Amino acid sequence: MTNIPPAYNQPAAYPAQAERLFPRVMDWSVLTVECAAGQYSASLLSRAVEDCDAHVLNLNVVSGLALGEPSVVELRVNHRNPELVARSLERYGYTVTSVMSSAPGSDPDDDSGPDAVARRRVNELIRLLNV
């Protein structure tokens, strides 16, 4: 009989384990960063993030494990504005391929942001044009 960690043999423990790995914070941004295989450095990525008064909450290497393949890293940081963090990462020589934020208006399905009225009107126009 093998010892299986409780998180894997008790489905009810999954939310608790996810909460431990991905803590909830009010302000967060997710950035996808690409770099050459030899350029990847977790400490340098963290330094670039901390240069804009943010902290790395999660760092996941998504791809780039094969020799010569570019590394793709997903960063979750505790900063509301991903553009500031993206500029800092680009100053360090990394390429930011996508950003996402918890800021109001950054989610296309969120109707509480400043562009919600314009977004609704554009969606209504698109529906009219499709008829």
C-alpha atoms as a PDB file:
ATOM      1  CA  MET A   1       0.000   0.000   0.000  1.00  0.00           C
ATOM      2  CA  THR A   2       1.416   3.380  -0.971  1.00  0.00           C
ATOM      3  CA  ASN A   3       1.048   6.579   0.967  1.00  0.00           C
ATOM      4  CA  ILE A   4      -1.085   8.983  -1.055  1.00  0.00           C
ATOM      5  CA  PRO A   5      -1.182  12.583   0.144  1.00  0.00           C
ATOM      6  CA  PRO A   6      -4.621  13.560   1.503  1.00  0.00           C
ATOM      7  CA  ALA A   7      -5.099  16.160  -1.232  1.00  0.00           C
ATOM      8  CA  TYR A   8      -5.229  13.422  -3.874  1.00  0.00           C
ATOM      9  CA  ASN A   9      -7.308  10.736  -2.196  1.00  0.00           C
ATOM     10  CA  GLN A  10      -9.951  13.026  -0.660  1.00  0.00           C
ATOM     11  CA  PRO A  11     -11.767  15.153  -3.262  1.00  0.00           C
ATOM     12  CA  ALA A  12     -13.236  17.335  -0.498  1.00  0.00           C
ATOM     13  CA  ALA A  13      -9.678  18.508   0.289  1.00  0.00           C
ATOM     14  CA  TYR A  14      -9.134  19.927  -3.237  1.00  0.00           C
ATOM     15  CA  PRO A  15     -10.564  23.405  -2.502  1.00  0.00           C
ATOM     16  CA  ALA A  16      -8.431  23.694   0.640  1.00  0.00           C
ATOM     17  CA  GLN A  17      -5.316  22.644  -1.265  1.00  0.00           C
ATOM     18  CA  ALA A  18      -6.097  25.083  -4.082  1.00  0.00           C
ATOM     19  CA  GLU A  19      -6.595  27.854  -1.525  1.00  0.00           C
ATOM     20  CA  ARG A  20      -3.185  27.054  -0.056  1.00  0.00           C
ATOM     21  CA  LEU A  21      -1.495  27.096  -3.473  1.00  0.00           C
ATOM     22  CA  PHE A  22      -3.432  30.056  -4.890  1.00  0.00           C
ATOM     23  CA  PRO A  23      -4.289  32.384  -1.994  1.00  0.00           C
ATOM     24  CA  ARG A  24      -7.090  34.877  -2.508  1.00  0.00           C
ATOM     25  CA  VAL A  25      -6.063  38.511  -2.682  1.00  0.00           C
ATOM     26  CA  MET A  26      -8.076  41.604  -3.576  1.00  0.00           C
ATOM     27  CA  ASP A  27      -5.793  42.945  -6.306  1.00  0.00           C
ATOM     28  CA  TRP A  28      -4.013  40.602  -8.674  1.00  0.00           C
ATOM     29  CA  SER A  29      -2.725  40.391 -12.220  1.00  0.00           C
ATOM     30  CA  VAL A  30      -1.667  37.419 -14.314  1.00  0.00           C
ATOM     31  CA  LEU A  31       1.067  37.899 -16.898  1.00  0.00           C
ATOM     32  CA  THR A  32       2.353  35.374 -19.418  1.00  0.00           C
ATOM     33  CA  VAL A  33       6.043  35.903 -20.105  1.00  0.00           C
ATOM     34  CA  GLU A  34       8.220  34.339 -22.786  1.00  0.00           C
ATOM     35  CA  CYS A  35      12.008  34.194 -22.862  1.00  0.00           C
ATOM     36  CA  ALA A  36      14.855  32.237 -24.397  1.00  0.00           C
ATOM     37  CA  ALA A  37      15.641  28.959 -22.662  1.00  0.00           C
ATOM     38  CA  GLY A  38      18.923  30.246 -21.226  1.00  0.00           C
ATOM     39  CA  GLN A  39      17.395  33.535 -20.080  1.00  0.00           C
ATOM     40  CA  TYR A  40      14.876  32.055 -17.607  1.00  0.00           C
ATOM     41  CA  SER A  41      15.597  33.010 -13.998  1.00  0.00           C
ATOM     42  CA  ALA A  42      12.951  32.955 -11.268  1.00  0.00           C
ATOM     43  CA  SER A  43      14.965  35.374  -9.141  1.00  0.00           C
ATOM     44  CA  LEU A  44      15.332  37.864 -12.016  1.00  0.00           C
ATOM     45  CA  LEU A  45      11.597  37.633 -12.781  1.00  0.00           C
ATOM     46  CA  SER A  46      10.850  38.279  -9.102  1.00  0.00           C
ATOM     47  CA  ARG A  47      13.219  41.244  -9.033  1.00  0.00           C
ATOM     48  CA  ALA A  48      11.505  42.755 -12.091  1.00  0.00           C
ATOM     49  CA  VAL A  49       8.097  42.346 -10.421  1.00  0.00           C
ATOM     50  CA  GLU A  50       9.315  43.782  -7.112  1.00  0.00           C
ATOM     51  CA  ASP A  51      10.706  46.842  -8.924  1.00  0.00           C
ATOM     52  CA  CYS A  52       7.084  48.039  -9.270  1.00  0.00           C
ATOM     53  CA  ASP A  53       6.179  47.412  -5.632  1.00  0.00           C
ATOM     54  CA  ALA A  54       4.453  44.095  -6.323  1.00  0.00           C
ATOM     55  CA  HIS A  55       5.058  40.568  -5.073  1.00  0.00           C
ATOM     56  CA  VAL A  56       5.003  37.270  -6.957  1.00  0.00           C
ATOM     57  CA  LEU A  57       2.092  35.166  -5.696  1.00  0.00           C
ATOM     58  CA  ASN A  58       2.536  32.270  -8.148  1.00  0.00           C
ATOM     59  CA  LEU A  59       5.137  31.417 -10.764  1.00  0.00           C
ATOM     60  CA  ASN A  60       4.388  28.503 -13.103  1.00  0.00           C
ATOM     61  CA  VAL A  61       6.552  27.329 -15.985  1.00  0.00           C
ATOM     62  CA  VAL A  62       3.943  26.521 -18.630  1.00  0.00           C
ATOM     63  CA  SER A  63       6.220  25.313 -21.439  1.00  0.00           C
ATOM     64  CA  GLY A  64       9.801  25.391 -22.559  1.00  0.00           C
ATOM     65  CA  LEU A  65      11.109  22.340 -20.778  1.00  0.00           C
ATOM     66  CA  ALA A  66      12.653  20.878 -23.948  1.00  0.00           C
ATOM     67  CA  LEU A  67      16.183  21.851 -24.928  1.00  0.00           C
ATOM     68  CA  GLY A  68      16.267  24.957 -27.121  1.00  0.00           C
ATOM     69  CA  GLU A  69      12.549  25.671 -26.712  1.00  0.00           C
ATOM     70  CA  PRO A  70      11.637  29.147 -25.394  1.00  0.00           C
ATOM     71  CA  SER A  71      10.383  29.205 -21.811  1.00  0.00           C
ATOM     72  CA  VAL A  72       6.839  30.399 -21.158  1.00  0.00           C
ATOM     73  CA  VAL A  73       6.104  31.436 -17.581  1.00  0.00           C
ATOM     74  CA  GLU A  74       2.810  32.471 -16.020  1.00  0.00           C
ATOM     75  CA  LEU A  75       3.118  34.953 -13.151  1.00  0.00           C
ATOM     76  CA  ARG A  76       0.392  35.967 -10.714  1.00  0.00           C
ATOM     77  CA  VAL A  77       1.294  39.142  -8.839  1.00  0.00           C
ATOM     78  CA  ASN A  78      -0.491  41.244  -6.216  1.00  0.00           C
ATOM     79  CA  HIS A  79      -0.776  44.372  -8.319  1.00  0.00           C
ATOM     80  CA  ARG A  80      -3.926  45.773  -9.889  1.00  0.00           C
ATOM     81  CA  ASN A  81      -2.240  47.305 -12.952  1.00  0.00           C
ATOM     82  CA  PRO A  82      -0.527  44.644 -15.085  1.00  0.00           C
ATOM     83  CA  GLU A  83       0.874  47.248 -17.488  1.00  0.00           C
ATOM     84  CA  LEU A  84       3.334  48.554 -14.880  1.00  0.00           C
ATOM     85  CA  VAL A  85       4.597  45.042 -14.182  1.00  0.00           C
ATOM     86  CA  ALA A  86       4.751  44.273 -17.927  1.00  0.00           C
ATOM     87  CA  ARG A  87       6.919  47.341 -18.590  1.00  0.00           C
ATOM     88  CA  SER A  88       9.268  46.346 -15.794  1.00  0.00           C
ATOM     89  CA  LEU A  89       9.566  42.793 -17.163  1.00  0.00           C
ATOM     90  CA  GLU A  90      10.267  44.162 -20.650  1.00  0.00           C
ATOM     91  CA  ARG A  91      13.021  46.395 -19.234  1.00  0.00           C
ATOM     92  CA  TYR A  92      14.644  43.195 -17.964  1.00  0.00           C
ATOM     93  CA  GLY A  93      14.500  41.701 -21.474  1.00  0.00           C
ATOM     94  CA  TYR A  94      11.417  39.468 -21.135  1.00  0.00           C
ATOM     95  CA  THR A  95       8.554  39.412 -23.643  1.00  0.00           C
ATOM     96  CA  VAL A  96       5.081  39.755 -22.126  1.00  0.00           C
ATOM     97  CA  THR A  97       2.578  37.920 -24.342  1.00  0.00           C
ATOM     98  CA  SER A  98      -0.642  38.410 -22.351  1.00  0.00           C
ATOM     99  CA  VAL A  99      -1.995  40.128 -19.245  1.00  0.00           C
ATOM    100  CA  MET A 100      -5.144  39.783 -17.147  1.00  0.00           C
ATOM    101  CA  SER A 101      -6.204  41.749 -14.085  1.00  0.00           C
ATOM    102  CA  SER A 102      -8.728  41.798 -11.248  1.00  0.00           C
ATOM    103  CA  ALA A 103      -9.261  45.528 -11.775  1.00  0.00           C
ATOM    104  CA  PRO A 104     -12.877  46.561 -12.497  1.00  0.00           C
ATOM    105  CA  GLY A 105     -13.481  46.723 -16.225  1.00  0.00           C
ATOM    106  CA  SER A 106     -10.696  44.305 -17.124  1.00  0.00           C
ATOM    107  CA  ASP A 107     -13.101  41.351 -17.346  1.00  0.00           C
ATOM    108  CA  PRO A 108     -15.242  41.506 -20.504  1.00  0.00           C
ATOM    109  CA  ASP A 109     -18.165  39.895 -18.627  1.00  0.00           C
ATOM    110  CA  ASP A 110     -17.974  42.396 -15.744  1.00  0.00           C
ATOM    111  CA  ASP A 111     -20.560  45.195 -15.988  1.00  0.00           C
ATOM    112  CA  SER A 112     -19.149  47.285 -13.140  1.00  0.00           C
ATOM    113  CA  GLY A 113     -16.229  48.890 -15.006  1.00  0.00           C
ATOM    114  CA  PRO A 114     -16.109  52.349 -16.569  1.00  0.00           C
ATOM    115  CA  ASP A 115     -16.507  50.948 -20.096  1.00  0.00           C
ATOM    116  CA  ALA A 116     -19.511  48.751 -19.268  1.00  0.00           C
ATOM    117  CA  VAL A 117     -22.075  50.993 -21.018  1.00  0.00           C
ATOM    118  CA  ALA A 118     -19.992  51.247 -24.183  1.00  0.00           C
ATOM    119  CA  ARG A 119     -19.372  47.505 -24.135  1.00  0.00           C
ATOM    120  CA  ARG A 120     -23.103  46.766 -23.793  1.00  0.00           C
ATOM    121  CA  ARG A 121     -23.939  49.140 -26.665  1.00  0.00           C
ATOM    122  CA  VAL A 122     -21.337  47.573 -28.943  1.00  0.00           C
ATOM    123  CA  ASN A 123     -22.672  44.103 -28.116  1.00  0.00           C
ATOM    124  CA  GLU A 124     -26.228  45.270 -28.916  1.00  0.00           C
ATOM    125  CA  LEU A 125     -25.047  46.701 -32.246  1.00  0.00           C
ATOM    126  CA  ILE A 126     -23.301  43.446 -33.115  1.00  0.00           C
ATOM    127  CA  ARG A 127     -26.498  41.528 -32.323  1.00  0.00           C
ATOM    128  CA  LEU A 128     -28.493  43.889 -34.580  1.00  0.00           C
ATOM    129  CA  LEU A 129     -26.022  43.499 -37.441  1.00  0.00           C
ATOM    130  CA  ASN A 130     -26.136  39.704 -37.192  1.00  0.00           C
ATOM    131  CA  VAL A 131     -29.937  39.679 -37.664  1.00  0.00           C
END
